[in-house]
Amino acid sequence: MQRYAVSKFNRLFLVIGFMLSSLILYSQDFNYLPAINQDTIIRHMYYTLSYSEQHEQPKWVAYELKPEMLYKVVERKNNFREDPFVLTASATYDDYSSDPNYDAGHMLCSRNMQFSCEAMDETFFMSNMSPQHKDLNRIRWAHLESLERSMVERNGSLYVVCGPVLKNITKTIGITNQISVPNYYFKVILEYDSLSTKGIGFLMPNEKCSLPLESYVVSVDSIESFTNIDFFPSLPDEIEKQIEANVDTINWSFKKPRSNYGYEKEAVKCTF
């Protein structure tokens, strides 16, 4: 009886130890950035980007979106401006006025950062912008951003990498700077914690997109091949292969996103 009690206690101790080690493992900062290579990397407080001087826009923008960041605490206040961290100088907001069909489209949208004035304001650096057709930026891409927030509410913290596809460029806009107009945009979303690991990719043409969001789901592998970007290289190889090879619409909910996440106070105006 005594040996059995000790053995049972040891097994319980091992199980608890494994659970604690798993929690510690996943509580550590996960390097969710794509492979950097020779990229020009700009690190802001809430997002990181790779800037392409050739195309005058980000190659990719990466960030972590947490449930507590969903609350709309502050009102949006436009403050489009050049990014002082881009040593070669980023594009200007005036460059986008040369063609009214294209918006200065946020890659990390301002709504995702409206939990504080500082977080929201830094999304208006021009290094976070890309020339999205107005019918994409204001409709289906905006729907994807809204769905992204609902995915965070349902699943917990998510890692996101998004950006333009900077290949086969045939059009530019601009006044002082010539900004490449991408033909496609991508967004890759990863859940990686002790309970679940899954990923999903979206690829949209830079035009009016009339189909449901599910129609633009593609494998992460296909986006990697299309963009030459290696997403989430810090994942264990087997997990990376598994989640990047699948076109996953089953493990994610596409229910109509909502805008209220439980924050009932009136949003305040930022003073700067």
C-alpha atoms as a PDB file:
ATOM      1  CA  MET A   1       0.000   0.000   0.000  1.00  0.00           C
ATOM      2  CA  GLN A   2       2.794   2.383   0.811  1.00  0.00           C
ATOM      3  CA  ARG A   3       4.637   1.656  -2.469  1.00  0.00           C
ATOM      4  CA  TYR A   4       1.379   2.168  -4.381  1.00  0.00           C
ATOM      5  CA  ALA A   5       0.769   5.487  -2.649  1.00  0.00           C
ATOM      6  CA  VAL A   6       4.254   6.701  -3.480  1.00  0.00           C
ATOM      7  CA  SER A   7       3.941   5.538  -7.090  1.00  0.00           C
ATOM      8  CA  LYS A   8       0.584   7.240  -7.455  1.00  0.00           C
ATOM      9  CA  PHE A   9       2.022  10.432  -5.973  1.00  0.00           C
ATOM     10  CA  ASN A  10       4.986  10.295  -8.360  1.00  0.00           C
ATOM     11  CA  ARG A  11       2.717   9.936 -11.366  1.00  0.00           C
ATOM     12  CA  LEU A  12       0.612  12.855 -10.189  1.00  0.00           C
ATOM     13  CA  PHE A  13       3.769  14.896  -9.652  1.00  0.00           C
ATOM     14  CA  LEU A  14       4.981  14.098 -13.165  1.00  0.00           C
ATOM     15  CA  VAL A  15       1.649  15.089 -14.714  1.00  0.00           C
ATOM     16  CA  ILE A  16       1.587  18.383 -12.827  1.00  0.00           C
ATOM     17  CA  GLY A  17       5.208  19.011 -13.765  1.00  0.00           C
ATOM     18  CA  PHE A  18       4.461  18.391 -17.439  1.00  0.00           C
ATOM     19  CA  MET A  19       1.474  20.756 -17.326  1.00  0.00           C
ATOM     20  CA  LEU A  20       3.530  23.467 -15.652  1.00  0.00           C
ATOM     21  CA  SER A  21       6.395  23.052 -18.117  1.00  0.00           C
ATOM     22  CA  SER A  22       3.918  23.376 -20.993  1.00  0.00           C
ATOM     23  CA  LEU A  23       2.500  26.561 -19.542  1.00  0.00           C
ATOM     24  CA  ILE A  24       5.986  27.975 -19.061  1.00  0.00           C
ATOM     25  CA  LEU A  25       6.925  27.021 -22.623  1.00  0.00           C
ATOM     26  CA  TYR A  26       3.947  28.778 -24.145  1.00  0.00           C
ATOM     27  CA  SER A  27       4.192  31.759 -21.811  1.00  0.00           C
ATOM     28  CA  GLN A  28       7.600  32.598 -23.241  1.00  0.00           C
ATOM     29  CA  ASP A  29       7.733  35.134 -26.056  1.00  0.00           C
ATOM     30  CA  PHE A  30       7.204  33.379 -29.374  1.00  0.00           C
ATOM     31  CA  ASN A  31       9.174  34.769 -32.300  1.00  0.00           C
ATOM     32  CA  TYR A  32       6.339  35.093 -34.810  1.00  0.00           C
ATOM     33  CA  LEU A  33       8.295  37.154 -37.353  1.00  0.00           C
ATOM     34  CA  PRO A  34       8.935  35.793 -40.852  1.00  0.00           C
ATOM     35  CA  ALA A  35      12.484  34.910 -41.867  1.00  0.00           C
ATOM     36  CA  ILE A  36      14.310  38.234 -41.981  1.00  0.00           C
ATOM     37  CA  ASN A  37      17.268  37.562 -44.330  1.00  0.00           C
ATOM     38  CA  GLN A  38      18.528  40.966 -45.584  1.00  0.00           C
ATOM     39  CA  ASP A  39      15.262  42.799 -44.904  1.00  0.00           C
ATOM     40  CA  THR A  40      15.130  46.323 -43.506  1.00  0.00           C
ATOM     41  CA  ILE A  41      13.306  45.735 -40.225  1.00  0.00           C
ATOM     42  CA  ILE A  42      11.389  48.477 -38.412  1.00  0.00           C
ATOM     43  CA  ARG A  43      10.164  47.751 -34.882  1.00  0.00           C
ATOM     44  CA  HIS A  44       7.368  49.840 -33.435  1.00  0.00           C
ATOM     45  CA  MET A  45       5.796  49.288 -30.041  1.00  0.00           C
ATOM     46  CA  TYR A  46       2.964  47.029 -31.206  1.00  0.00           C
ATOM     47  CA  TYR A  47       4.093  45.792 -34.611  1.00  0.00           C
ATOM     48  CA  THR A  48       7.143  44.986 -36.696  1.00  0.00           C
ATOM     49  CA  LEU A  49       7.532  45.458 -40.425  1.00  0.00           C
ATOM     50  CA  SER A  50       9.944  44.847 -43.257  1.00  0.00           C
ATOM     51  CA  TYR A  51      10.190  47.967 -45.423  1.00  0.00           C
ATOM     52  CA  SER A  52      10.840  47.826 -49.165  1.00  0.00           C
ATOM     53  CA  GLU A  53      12.524  50.988 -50.405  1.00  0.00           C
ATOM     54  CA  GLN A  54      12.112  49.767 -53.970  1.00  0.00           C
ATOM     55  CA  HIS A  55       8.326  49.616 -53.629  1.00  0.00           C
ATOM     56  CA  GLU A  56       7.929  52.323 -50.916  1.00  0.00           C
ATOM     57  CA  GLN A  57       5.723  50.171 -48.677  1.00  0.00           C
ATOM     58  CA  PRO A  58       6.038  47.243 -46.286  1.00  0.00           C
ATOM     59  CA  LYS A  59       6.964  43.831 -47.546  1.00  0.00           C
ATOM     60  CA  TRP A  60       5.121  42.469 -44.516  1.00  0.00           C
ATOM     61  CA  VAL A  61       3.691  43.704 -41.206  1.00  0.00           C
ATOM     62  CA  ALA A  62       3.594  41.355 -38.198  1.00  0.00           C
ATOM     63  CA  TYR A  63       1.825  41.726 -34.861  1.00  0.00           C
ATOM     64  CA  GLU A  64       0.190  39.870 -31.992  1.00  0.00           C
ATOM     65  CA  LEU A  65      -3.467  40.653 -31.331  1.00  0.00           C
ATOM     66  CA  LYS A  66      -4.781  39.856 -27.844  1.00  0.00           C
ATOM     67  CA  PRO A  67      -8.373  39.791 -26.525  1.00  0.00           C
ATOM     68  CA  GLU A  68      -7.768  42.739 -24.208  1.00  0.00           C
ATOM     69  CA  MET A  69      -6.778  44.840 -27.225  1.00  0.00           C
ATOM     70  CA  LEU A  70     -10.216  44.515 -28.862  1.00  0.00           C
ATOM     71  CA  TYR A  71     -11.935  47.173 -26.742  1.00  0.00           C
ATOM     72  CA  LYS A  72     -12.555  50.476 -28.503  1.00  0.00           C
ATOM     73  CA  VAL A  73     -11.296  52.796 -25.788  1.00  0.00           C
ATOM     74  CA  VAL A  74     -10.301  55.759 -27.995  1.00  0.00           C
ATOM     75  CA  GLU A  75     -11.721  57.318 -31.141  1.00  0.00           C
ATOM     76  CA  ARG A  76      -9.857  57.057 -34.412  1.00  0.00           C
ATOM     77  CA  LYS A  77      -7.840  60.152 -35.238  1.00  0.00           C
ATOM     78  CA  ASN A  78      -6.097  60.258 -38.608  1.00  0.00           C
ATOM     79  CA  ASN A  79      -2.444  61.173 -38.345  1.00  0.00           C
ATOM     80  CA  PHE A  80      -0.866  59.908 -41.581  1.00  0.00           C
ATOM     81  CA  ARG A  81       2.837  60.766 -41.515  1.00  0.00           C
ATOM     82  CA  GLU A  82       6.233  59.589 -42.664  1.00  0.00           C
ATOM     83  CA  ASP A  83       7.967  56.980 -40.562  1.00  0.00           C
ATOM     84  CA  PRO A  84      11.106  58.508 -38.969  1.00  0.00           C
ATOM     85  CA  PHE A  85      12.540  55.010 -38.435  1.00  0.00           C
ATOM     86  CA  VAL A  86      12.814  54.419 -42.187  1.00  0.00           C
ATOM     87  CA  LEU A  87      16.255  55.887 -42.839  1.00  0.00           C
ATOM     88  CA  THR A  88      15.717  56.083 -46.595  1.00  0.00           C
ATOM     89  CA  ALA A  89      12.434  57.989 -45.987  1.00  0.00           C
ATOM     90  CA  SER A  90       9.041  56.409 -46.422  1.00  0.00           C
ATOM     91  CA  ALA A  91       6.344  57.449 -48.886  1.00  0.00           C
ATOM     92  CA  THR A  92       4.167  60.440 -48.027  1.00  0.00           C
ATOM     93  CA  TYR A  93       0.408  60.735 -47.731  1.00  0.00           C
ATOM     94  CA  ASP A  94       0.454  63.206 -50.629  1.00  0.00           C
ATOM     95  CA  ASP A  95       1.845  60.476 -52.873  1.00  0.00           C
ATOM     96  CA  TYR A  96      -1.472  58.654 -52.534  1.00  0.00           C
ATOM     97  CA  SER A  97      -3.465  61.669 -53.744  1.00  0.00           C
ATOM     98  CA  SER A  98      -2.159  61.141 -57.282  1.00  0.00           C
ATOM     99  CA  ASP A  99      -4.771  58.434 -57.924  1.00  0.00           C
ATOM    100  CA  PRO A 100      -8.162  58.626 -56.155  1.00  0.00           C
ATOM    101  CA  ASN A 101      -8.882  54.956 -56.869  1.00  0.00           C
ATOM    102  CA  TYR A 102      -6.297  53.874 -54.284  1.00  0.00           C
ATOM    103  CA  ASP A 103      -6.385  54.352 -50.532  1.00  0.00           C
ATOM    104  CA  ALA A 104      -3.458  54.469 -48.159  1.00  0.00           C
ATOM    105  CA  GLY A 105      -4.522  51.109 -46.799  1.00  0.00           C
ATOM    106  CA  HIS A 106      -3.455  50.113 -43.305  1.00  0.00           C
ATOM    107  CA  MET A 107      -1.800  46.728 -43.049  1.00  0.00           C
ATOM    108  CA  LEU A 108      -2.183  46.776 -39.265  1.00  0.00           C
ATOM    109  CA  CYS A 109      -5.554  48.513 -39.094  1.00  0.00           C
ATOM    110  CA  SER A 110      -6.125  51.333 -36.641  1.00  0.00           C
ATOM    111  CA  ARG A 111      -9.253  49.644 -35.197  1.00  0.00           C
ATOM    112  CA  ASN A 112      -7.084  46.811 -33.863  1.00  0.00           C
ATOM    113  CA  MET A 113      -5.113  49.338 -31.816  1.00  0.00           C
ATOM    114  CA  GLN A 114      -7.888  51.548 -30.417  1.00  0.00           C
ATOM    115  CA  PHE A 115      -7.243  50.350 -26.883  1.00  0.00           C
ATOM    116  CA  SER A 116      -4.913  53.363 -26.423  1.00  0.00           C
ATOM    117  CA  CYS A 117      -4.066  56.635 -28.161  1.00  0.00           C
ATOM    118  CA  GLU A 118      -0.398  55.708 -28.545  1.00  0.00           C
ATOM    119  CA  ALA A 119      -1.138  52.306 -30.079  1.00  0.00           C
ATOM    120  CA  MET A 120      -3.725  53.695 -32.487  1.00  0.00           C
ATOM    121  CA  ASP A 121      -1.524  56.624 -33.505  1.00  0.00           C
ATOM    122  CA  GLU A 122       1.472  54.518 -34.501  1.00  0.00           C
ATOM    123  CA  THR A 123      -0.614  52.639 -37.091  1.00  0.00           C
ATOM    124  CA  PHE A 124      -0.659  55.858 -39.157  1.00  0.00           C
ATOM    125  CA  PHE A 125       3.025  55.709 -40.092  1.00  0.00           C
ATOM    126  CA  MET A 126       3.253  55.557 -43.883  1.00  0.00           C
ATOM    127  CA  SER A 127       5.465  52.483 -43.573  1.00  0.00           C
ATOM    128  CA  ASN A 128       2.284  50.652 -42.524  1.00  0.00           C
ATOM    129  CA  MET A 129       0.424  51.700 -45.697  1.00  0.00           C
ATOM    130  CA  SER A 130       0.018  50.133 -49.120  1.00  0.00           C
ATOM    131  CA  PRO A 131      -2.052  51.342 -52.128  1.00  0.00           C
ATOM    132  CA  GLN A 132      -5.218  49.273 -51.871  1.00  0.00           C
ATOM    133  CA  HIS A 133      -8.013  49.783 -54.340  1.00  0.00           C
ATOM    134  CA  LYS A 134     -10.760  51.642 -52.505  1.00  0.00           C
ATOM    135  CA  ASP A 135     -13.283  48.875 -53.253  1.00  0.00           C
ATOM    136  CA  LEU A 136     -11.017  46.330 -51.569  1.00  0.00           C
ATOM    137  CA  ASN A 137      -9.839  48.459 -48.652  1.00  0.00           C
ATOM    138  CA  ARG A 138     -13.262  49.712 -47.625  1.00  0.00           C
ATOM    139  CA  ILE A 139     -15.271  46.528 -48.129  1.00  0.00           C
ATOM    140  CA  ARG A 140     -13.883  43.000 -48.212  1.00  0.00           C
ATOM    141  CA  TRP A 141     -10.463  43.749 -46.653  1.00  0.00           C
ATOM    142  CA  ALA A 142     -12.277  45.651 -43.886  1.00  0.00           C
ATOM    143  CA  HIS A 143     -14.524  42.600 -43.420  1.00  0.00           C
ATOM    144  CA  LEU A 144     -11.424  40.432 -43.059  1.00  0.00           C
ATOM    145  CA  GLU A 145     -10.036  42.774 -40.397  1.00  0.00           C
ATOM    146  CA  SER A 146     -13.346  42.546 -38.546  1.00  0.00           C
ATOM    147  CA  LEU A 147     -13.319  38.749 -38.808  1.00  0.00           C
ATOM    148  CA  GLU A 148      -9.757  38.744 -37.483  1.00  0.00           C
ATOM    149  CA  ARG A 149     -10.939  40.483 -34.305  1.00  0.00           C
ATOM    150  CA  SER A 150     -13.760  37.973 -33.894  1.00  0.00           C
ATOM    151  CA  MET A 151     -11.252  35.161 -34.305  1.00  0.00           C
ATOM    152  CA  VAL A 152      -9.252  36.649 -31.415  1.00  0.00           C
ATOM    153  CA  GLU A 153     -12.381  36.850 -29.278  1.00  0.00           C
ATOM    154  CA  ARG A 154     -13.191  33.197 -29.977  1.00  0.00           C
ATOM    155  CA  ASN A 155      -9.679  31.726 -29.874  1.00  0.00           C
ATOM    156  CA  GLY A 156      -7.532  34.017 -27.728  1.00  0.00           C
ATOM    157  CA  SER A 157      -4.309  35.722 -28.793  1.00  0.00           C
ATOM    158  CA  LEU A 158      -3.344  35.335 -32.459  1.00  0.00           C
ATOM    159  CA  TYR A 159      -0.208  36.111 -34.466  1.00  0.00           C
ATOM    160  CA  VAL A 160      -0.813  37.894 -37.761  1.00  0.00           C
ATOM    161  CA  VAL A 161       1.410  38.642 -40.752  1.00  0.00           C
ATOM    162  CA  CYS A 162      -0.053  40.566 -43.676  1.00  0.00           C
ATOM    163  CA  GLY A 163       1.078  42.647 -46.611  1.00  0.00           C
ATOM    164  CA  PRO A 164       1.183  43.215 -50.363  1.00  0.00           C
ATOM    165  CA  VAL A 165       2.469  40.776 -52.948  1.00  0.00           C
ATOM    166  CA  LEU A 166       5.387  42.722 -54.436  1.00  0.00           C
ATOM    167  CA  LYS A 167       5.925  40.894 -57.706  1.00  0.00           C
ATOM    168  CA  ASN A 168       4.866  41.412 -61.328  1.00  0.00           C
ATOM    169  CA  ILE A 169       4.226  45.109 -60.657  1.00  0.00           C
ATOM    170  CA  THR A 170       2.899  47.018 -63.675  1.00  0.00           C
ATOM    171  CA  LYS A 171       1.515  50.192 -62.077  1.00  0.00           C
ATOM    172  CA  THR A 172       2.775  52.874 -59.699  1.00  0.00           C
ATOM    173  CA  ILE A 173       1.258  55.935 -58.057  1.00  0.00           C
ATOM    174  CA  GLY A 174       2.916  58.895 -56.399  1.00  0.00           C
ATOM    175  CA  ILE A 175       4.197  62.440 -56.654  1.00  0.00           C
ATOM    176  CA  THR A 176       7.511  62.620 -54.805  1.00  0.00           C
ATOM    177  CA  ASN A 177       7.835  58.837 -54.493  1.00  0.00           C
ATOM    178  CA  GLN A 178       6.734  56.121 -56.896  1.00  0.00           C
ATOM    179  CA  ILE A 179       4.728  53.528 -54.964  1.00  0.00           C
ATOM    180  CA  SER A 180       4.176  50.115 -56.520  1.00  0.00           C
ATOM    181  CA  VAL A 181       0.542  49.022 -56.808  1.00  0.00           C
ATOM    182  CA  PRO A 182       0.314  45.349 -55.782  1.00  0.00           C
ATOM    183  CA  ASN A 183      -1.935  42.922 -57.608  1.00  0.00           C
ATOM    184  CA  TYR A 184      -2.686  40.916 -54.453  1.00  0.00           C
ATOM    185  CA  TYR A 185      -2.686  41.125 -50.657  1.00  0.00           C
ATOM    186  CA  PHE A 186      -2.183  38.340 -48.139  1.00  0.00           C
ATOM    187  CA  LYS A 187      -2.959  37.763 -44.484  1.00  0.00           C
ATOM    188  CA  VAL A 188      -1.700  34.793 -42.465  1.00  0.00           C
ATOM    189  CA  ILE A 189      -3.118  34.079 -39.006  1.00  0.00           C
ATOM    190  CA  LEU A 190      -1.667  31.684 -36.427  1.00  0.00           C
ATOM    191  CA  GLU A 191      -2.947  30.395 -33.105  1.00  0.00           C
ATOM    192  CA  TYR A 192      -0.107  28.888 -31.092  1.00  0.00           C
ATOM    193  CA  ASP A 193      -0.606  28.085 -27.424  1.00  0.00           C
ATOM    194  CA  SER A 194      -0.826  25.153 -25.036  1.00  0.00           C
ATOM    195  CA  LEU A 195      -4.383  24.313 -26.096  1.00  0.00           C
ATOM    196  CA  SER A 196      -4.360  24.640 -29.863  1.00  0.00           C
ATOM    197  CA  THR A 197      -2.141  25.266 -32.864  1.00  0.00           C
ATOM    198  CA  LYS A 198      -3.728  26.142 -36.183  1.00  0.00           C
ATOM    199  CA  GLY A 199      -3.226  28.543 -39.046  1.00  0.00           C
ATOM    200  CA  ILE A 200      -5.142  30.058 -41.933  1.00  0.00           C
ATOM    201  CA  GLY A 201      -4.175  32.120 -44.969  1.00  0.00           C
ATOM    202  CA  PHE A 202      -6.078  34.607 -47.126  1.00  0.00           C
ATOM    203  CA  LEU A 203      -5.146  35.933 -50.563  1.00  0.00           C
ATOM    204  CA  MET A 204      -7.165  38.708 -52.215  1.00  0.00           C
ATOM    205  CA  PRO A 205      -6.789  40.511 -55.535  1.00  0.00           C
ATOM    206  CA  ASN A 206      -6.356  44.288 -55.326  1.00  0.00           C
ATOM    207  CA  GLU A 207      -9.836  45.031 -56.653  1.00  0.00           C
ATOM    208  CA  LYS A 208     -13.453  44.726 -55.632  1.00  0.00           C
ATOM    209  CA  CYS A 209     -13.885  41.261 -54.096  1.00  0.00           C
ATOM    210  CA  SER A 210     -17.508  40.129 -54.134  1.00  0.00           C
ATOM    211  CA  LEU A 211     -17.193  36.545 -52.903  1.00  0.00           C
ATOM    212  CA  PRO A 212     -17.534  35.455 -49.233  1.00  0.00           C
ATOM    213  CA  LEU A 213     -14.324  35.535 -47.189  1.00  0.00           C
ATOM    214  CA  GLU A 214     -14.106  31.736 -47.201  1.00  0.00           C
ATOM    215  CA  SER A 215     -13.523  31.909 -50.957  1.00  0.00           C
ATOM    216  CA  TYR A 216     -10.198  33.676 -50.418  1.00  0.00           C
ATOM    217  CA  VAL A 217      -8.758  31.086 -48.015  1.00  0.00           C
ATOM    218  CA  VAL A 218      -5.590  29.410 -49.301  1.00  0.00           C
ATOM    219  CA  SER A 219      -2.830  27.363 -47.703  1.00  0.00           C
ATOM    220  CA  VAL A 220      -0.005  29.204 -45.980  1.00  0.00           C
ATOM    221  CA  ASP A 221       2.383  27.187 -48.152  1.00  0.00           C
ATOM    222  CA  SER A 222       0.858  28.665 -51.302  1.00  0.00           C
ATOM    223  CA  ILE A 223       1.284  32.209 -49.948  1.00  0.00           C
ATOM    224  CA  GLU A 224       4.907  31.431 -49.103  1.00  0.00           C
ATOM    225  CA  SER A 225       5.497  30.242 -52.673  1.00  0.00           C
ATOM    226  CA  PHE A 226       3.710  33.273 -54.113  1.00  0.00           C
ATOM    227  CA  THR A 227       5.524  35.856 -51.973  1.00  0.00           C
ATOM    228  CA  ASN A 228       8.879  34.150 -51.243  1.00  0.00           C
ATOM    229  CA  ILE A 229       8.276  34.874 -47.553  1.00  0.00           C
ATOM    230  CA  ASP A 230       8.959  32.165 -44.946  1.00  0.00           C
ATOM    231  CA  PHE A 231       6.243  32.538 -42.295  1.00  0.00           C
ATOM    232  CA  PHE A 232       6.688  31.428 -38.680  1.00  0.00           C
ATOM    233  CA  PRO A 233      10.130  29.783 -39.070  1.00  0.00           C
ATOM    234  CA  SER A 234      10.364  29.501 -35.266  1.00  0.00           C
ATOM    235  CA  LEU A 235       7.621  26.870 -35.165  1.00  0.00           C
ATOM    236  CA  PRO A 236       8.771  23.280 -34.666  1.00  0.00           C
ATOM    237  CA  ASP A 237       9.227  21.788 -38.130  1.00  0.00           C
ATOM    238  CA  GLU A 238       6.478  19.172 -37.858  1.00  0.00           C
ATOM    239  CA  ILE A 239       3.920  21.708 -36.637  1.00  0.00           C
ATOM    240  CA  GLU A 240       4.965  24.192 -39.306  1.00  0.00           C
ATOM    241  CA  LYS A 241       4.560  21.607 -42.077  1.00  0.00           C
ATOM    242  CA  GLN A 242       1.180  20.493 -40.772  1.00  0.00           C
ATOM    243  CA  ILE A 243      -0.518  23.883 -40.441  1.00  0.00           C
ATOM    244  CA  GLU A 244       1.022  25.454 -43.534  1.00  0.00           C
ATOM    245  CA  ALA A 245       0.049  22.683 -45.943  1.00  0.00           C
ATOM    246  CA  ASN A 246      -3.687  22.702 -45.206  1.00  0.00           C
ATOM    247  CA  VAL A 247      -6.467  24.903 -46.533  1.00  0.00           C
ATOM    248  CA  ASP A 248      -8.248  25.262 -43.204  1.00  0.00           C
ATOM    249  CA  THR A 249     -11.819  26.561 -43.113  1.00  0.00           C
ATOM    250  CA  ILE A 250     -13.083  23.908 -40.688  1.00  0.00           C
ATOM    251  CA  ASN A 251     -11.208  24.927 -37.539  1.00  0.00           C
ATOM    252  CA  TRP A 252     -12.088  28.630 -37.787  1.00  0.00           C
ATOM    253  CA  SER A 253     -15.498  30.264 -37.398  1.00  0.00           C
ATOM    254  CA  PHE A 254     -16.680  32.591 -40.161  1.00  0.00           C
ATOM    255  CA  LYS A 255     -19.770  33.755 -38.299  1.00  0.00           C
ATOM    256  CA  LYS A 256     -20.685  37.398 -38.728  1.00  0.00           C
ATOM    257  CA  PRO A 257     -18.119  39.483 -36.813  1.00  0.00           C
ATOM    258  CA  ARG A 258     -19.280  41.914 -34.192  1.00  0.00           C
ATOM    259  CA  SER A 259     -17.889  45.284 -33.137  1.00  0.00           C
ATOM    260  CA  ASN A 260     -18.749  45.373 -29.434  1.00  0.00           C
ATOM    261  CA  TYR A 261     -16.425  43.340 -27.242  1.00  0.00           C
ATOM    262  CA  GLY A 262     -17.889  44.186 -23.874  1.00  0.00           C
ATOM    263  CA  TYR A 263     -16.431  47.667 -23.446  1.00  0.00           C
ATOM    264  CA  GLU A 264     -19.435  49.837 -22.631  1.00  0.00           C
ATOM    265  CA  LYS A 265     -17.797  53.191 -21.911  1.00  0.00           C
ATOM    266  CA  GLU A 266     -17.864  55.920 -24.517  1.00  0.00           C
ATOM    267  CA  ALA A 267     -14.653  56.106 -26.529  1.00  0.00           C
ATOM    268  CA  VAL A 268     -12.522  59.161 -25.706  1.00  0.00           C
ATOM    269  CA  LYS A 269     -10.798  61.520 -28.144  1.00  0.00           C
ATOM    270  CA  CYS A 270      -7.019  61.618 -28.329  1.00  0.00           C
ATOM    271  CA  THR A 271      -5.552  65.078 -27.786  1.00  0.00           C
ATOM    272  CA  PHE A 272      -2.405  64.945 -29.957  1.00  0.00           C
END
